[in-house]
């Protein structure tokens, strides 16, 4: 499983991500206290532009302590079903509004490519 981490606009990939491979995501979408968050997800746009479903199946979780503003999610292997560049962003809602995180461009490779 590959890990993909965003923090303060920096992107770190521990290895190449391949089509149909699970992926762990972590992000600090707002840098704010997420104690009262009601929705915590990662949204996406597929390489072909499709946004059907808009979010990954597994909801993200708020990491402890919630005051750090960090969320995490494991994306199932079957969800990264296209090779190419995915656009992924965190999305948080609380009683004060909606907070989309910065979009990241994640290259997903076809199995067997270098």
C-alpha atoms as a PDB file:
ATOM      1  CA  UNK A   1       0.000   0.000   0.000  1.00  0.00           C
ATOM      2  CA  UNK A   2       1.293   3.441  -0.888  1.00  0.00           C
ATOM      3  CA  UNK A   3       1.056   6.409   1.442  1.00  0.00           C
ATOM      4  CA  UNK A   4       0.242   9.914   0.286  1.00  0.00           C
ATOM      5  CA  UNK A   5       0.557  12.732   2.799  1.00  0.00           C
ATOM      6  CA  UNK A   6      -0.109  16.457   2.486  1.00  0.00           C
ATOM      7  CA  UNK A   7       0.958  18.952   5.117  1.00  0.00           C
ATOM      8  CA  UNK A   8       1.229  22.709   4.741  1.00  0.00           C
ATOM      9  CA  UNK A   9       1.028  22.379   0.964  1.00  0.00           C
ATOM     10  CA  UNK A  10       3.833  19.796   0.788  1.00  0.00           C
ATOM     11  CA  UNK A  11       3.173  16.472  -0.886  1.00  0.00           C
ATOM     12  CA  UNK A  12       5.001  13.290   0.038  1.00  0.00           C
ATOM     13  CA  UNK A  13       4.596   9.989  -1.817  1.00  0.00           C
ATOM     14  CA  UNK A  14       6.373   6.985  -0.348  1.00  0.00           C
ATOM     15  CA  UNK A  15       6.129   4.977  -3.565  1.00  0.00           C
ATOM     16  CA  UNK A  16       4.402   4.945  -6.957  1.00  0.00           C
ATOM     17  CA  UNK A  17       0.658   4.409  -6.858  1.00  0.00           C
ATOM     18  CA  UNK A  18      -0.706   1.832  -9.284  1.00  0.00           C
ATOM     19  CA  UNK A  19      -4.207   1.264 -10.612  1.00  0.00           C
ATOM     20  CA  UNK A  20      -6.292  -0.976  -8.310  1.00  0.00           C
ATOM     21  CA  UNK A  21      -3.883  -0.502  -5.392  1.00  0.00           C
ATOM     22  CA  UNK A  22      -5.046   0.575  -1.911  1.00  0.00           C
ATOM     23  CA  UNK A  23      -3.853   3.982  -0.769  1.00  0.00           C
ATOM     24  CA  UNK A  24      -3.551   5.683   2.618  1.00  0.00           C
ATOM     25  CA  UNK A  25      -4.216   9.419   2.612  1.00  0.00           C
ATOM     26  CA  UNK A  26      -3.522  11.950   5.356  1.00  0.00           C
ATOM     27  CA  UNK A  27      -4.111  15.681   5.187  1.00  0.00           C
ATOM     28  CA  UNK A  28      -4.459  18.846   7.215  1.00  0.00           C
ATOM     29  CA  UNK A  29      -7.272  20.414   5.163  1.00  0.00           C
ATOM     30  CA  UNK A  30      -7.972  23.453   7.307  1.00  0.00           C
ATOM     31  CA  UNK A  31      -5.293  23.501   9.996  1.00  0.00           C
ATOM     32  CA  UNK A  32      -8.192  24.184  12.389  1.00  0.00           C
ATOM     33  CA  UNK A  33      -9.706  22.277  15.290  1.00  0.00           C
ATOM     34  CA  UNK A  34     -11.919  19.494  13.869  1.00  0.00           C
ATOM     35  CA  UNK A  35     -13.604  18.539  17.145  1.00  0.00           C
ATOM     36  CA  UNK A  36     -17.040  19.544  15.811  1.00  0.00           C
ATOM     37  CA  UNK A  37     -16.634  18.250  12.242  1.00  0.00           C
ATOM     38  CA  UNK A  38     -19.765  16.549  10.908  1.00  0.00           C
ATOM     39  CA  UNK A  39     -18.482  15.486   7.475  1.00  0.00           C
ATOM     40  CA  UNK A  40     -14.908  14.383   6.836  1.00  0.00           C
ATOM     41  CA  UNK A  41     -14.185  12.856   3.407  1.00  0.00           C
ATOM     42  CA  UNK A  42     -11.733  12.841   0.529  1.00  0.00           C
ATOM     43  CA  UNK A  43     -13.311  13.837  -2.791  1.00  0.00           C
ATOM     44  CA  UNK A  44     -11.928  13.157  -6.251  1.00  0.00           C
ATOM     45  CA  UNK A  45     -12.029  13.651  -9.983  1.00  0.00           C
ATOM     46  CA  UNK A  46     -10.924  10.703 -12.112  1.00  0.00           C
ATOM     47  CA  UNK A  47      -8.423  11.093 -14.974  1.00  0.00           C
ATOM     48  CA  UNK A  48     -11.276  10.966 -17.518  1.00  0.00           C
ATOM     49  CA  UNK A  49     -13.036  13.864 -15.738  1.00  0.00           C
ATOM     50  CA  UNK A  50     -15.701  11.650 -14.125  1.00  0.00           C
ATOM     51  CA  UNK A  51     -16.867  12.771 -10.684  1.00  0.00           C
ATOM     52  CA  UNK A  52     -19.585  10.131 -10.277  1.00  0.00           C
ATOM     53  CA  UNK A  53     -19.752   9.294  -6.605  1.00  0.00           C
ATOM     54  CA  UNK A  54     -17.596  12.368  -5.878  1.00  0.00           C
ATOM     55  CA  UNK A  55     -16.131  10.836  -2.709  1.00  0.00           C
ATOM     56  CA  UNK A  56     -14.320   7.640  -1.865  1.00  0.00           C
ATOM     57  CA  UNK A  57     -16.354   4.892  -0.192  1.00  0.00           C
ATOM     58  CA  UNK A  58     -14.553   5.043   3.141  1.00  0.00           C
ATOM     59  CA  UNK A  59     -15.152   8.239   5.080  1.00  0.00           C
ATOM     60  CA  UNK A  60     -12.050   9.870   6.472  1.00  0.00           C
ATOM     61  CA  UNK A  61     -11.487   9.959  10.202  1.00  0.00           C
ATOM     62  CA  UNK A  62     -10.270  12.820  12.354  1.00  0.00           C
ATOM     63  CA  UNK A  63      -6.941  11.886  13.895  1.00  0.00           C
ATOM     64  CA  UNK A  64      -6.399  12.427  17.603  1.00  0.00           C
ATOM     65  CA  UNK A  65      -6.136  15.039  18.879  1.00  0.00           C
ATOM     66  CA  UNK A  66      -8.829  16.691  16.767  1.00  0.00           C
ATOM     67  CA  UNK A  67      -7.331  20.069  17.621  1.00  0.00           C
ATOM     68  CA  UNK A  68      -4.419  19.255  15.247  1.00  0.00           C
ATOM     69  CA  UNK A  69      -6.799  19.321  12.262  1.00  0.00           C
ATOM     70  CA  UNK A  70      -5.469  16.128  10.645  1.00  0.00           C
ATOM     71  CA  UNK A  71      -7.627  13.567   8.818  1.00  0.00           C
ATOM     72  CA  UNK A  72      -6.840  10.135   7.378  1.00  0.00           C
ATOM     73  CA  UNK A  73      -8.473   7.606   5.066  1.00  0.00           C
ATOM     74  CA  UNK A  74      -7.656   4.296   3.398  1.00  0.00           C
ATOM     75  CA  UNK A  75      -8.884   4.095  -0.176  1.00  0.00           C
ATOM     76  CA  UNK A  76      -9.949   0.634  -1.295  1.00  0.00           C
ATOM     77  CA  UNK A  77      -7.965  -1.013  -4.097  1.00  0.00           C
ATOM     78  CA  UNK A  78     -10.890  -1.168  -6.522  1.00  0.00           C
ATOM     79  CA  UNK A  79     -11.569   2.588  -6.315  1.00  0.00           C
ATOM     80  CA  UNK A  80      -8.410   3.731  -8.122  1.00  0.00           C
ATOM     81  CA  UNK A  81      -9.760   2.102 -11.269  1.00  0.00           C
ATOM     82  CA  UNK A  82      -8.124   4.326 -13.914  1.00  0.00           C
ATOM     83  CA  UNK A  83      -4.527   5.166 -14.644  1.00  0.00           C
ATOM     84  CA  UNK A  84      -3.657   8.811 -15.184  1.00  0.00           C
ATOM     85  CA  UNK A  85      -3.762  11.893 -12.970  1.00  0.00           C
ATOM     86  CA  UNK A  86      -6.414  11.909 -10.245  1.00  0.00           C
ATOM     87  CA  UNK A  87      -7.399  15.152  -8.516  1.00  0.00           C
ATOM     88  CA  UNK A  88      -8.046  14.551  -4.817  1.00  0.00           C
ATOM     89  CA  UNK A  89      -8.974  16.930  -1.997  1.00  0.00           C
ATOM     90  CA  UNK A  90     -10.123  16.737   1.596  1.00  0.00           C
ATOM     91  CA  UNK A  91     -13.570  18.102   2.431  1.00  0.00           C
ATOM     92  CA  UNK A  92     -14.728  18.958   5.945  1.00  0.00           C
ATOM     93  CA  UNK A  93     -18.057  20.328   7.169  1.00  0.00           C
ATOM     94  CA  UNK A  94     -18.941  21.666  10.592  1.00  0.00           C
ATOM     95  CA  UNK A  95     -21.697  23.922  11.961  1.00  0.00           C
ATOM     96  CA  UNK A  96     -19.902  26.999  10.581  1.00  0.00           C
ATOM     97  CA  UNK A  97     -19.622  25.857   6.966  1.00  0.00           C
ATOM     98  CA  UNK A  98     -17.808  23.719   4.387  1.00  0.00           C
ATOM     99  CA  UNK A  99     -14.031  23.594   4.034  1.00  0.00           C
ATOM    100  CA  UNK A 100     -12.558  22.041   0.887  1.00  0.00           C
ATOM    101  CA  UNK A 101      -8.840  21.373   1.125  1.00  0.00           C
ATOM    102  CA  UNK A 102      -6.222  22.113  -1.501  1.00  0.00           C
ATOM    103  CA  UNK A 103      -6.485  19.856  -4.545  1.00  0.00           C
ATOM    104  CA  UNK A 104      -3.583  17.535  -5.177  1.00  0.00           C
ATOM    105  CA  UNK A 105      -2.692  15.836  -8.463  1.00  0.00           C
ATOM    106  CA  UNK A 106      -1.956  12.161  -7.894  1.00  0.00           C
ATOM    107  CA  UNK A 107      -0.428  10.161 -10.760  1.00  0.00           C
ATOM    108  CA  UNK A 108      -1.767   6.600 -10.868  1.00  0.00           C
ATOM    109  CA  UNK A 109       0.197   4.201 -13.055  1.00  0.00           C
ATOM    110  CA  UNK A 110      -0.856   1.168 -15.067  1.00  0.00           C
ATOM    111  CA  UNK A 111       0.432  -2.075 -13.505  1.00  0.00           C
ATOM    112  CA  UNK A 112       3.680  -3.214 -15.066  1.00  0.00           C
ATOM    113  CA  UNK A 113       4.980   0.259 -15.893  1.00  0.00           C
ATOM    114  CA  UNK A 114       8.196   1.642 -14.496  1.00  0.00           C
END
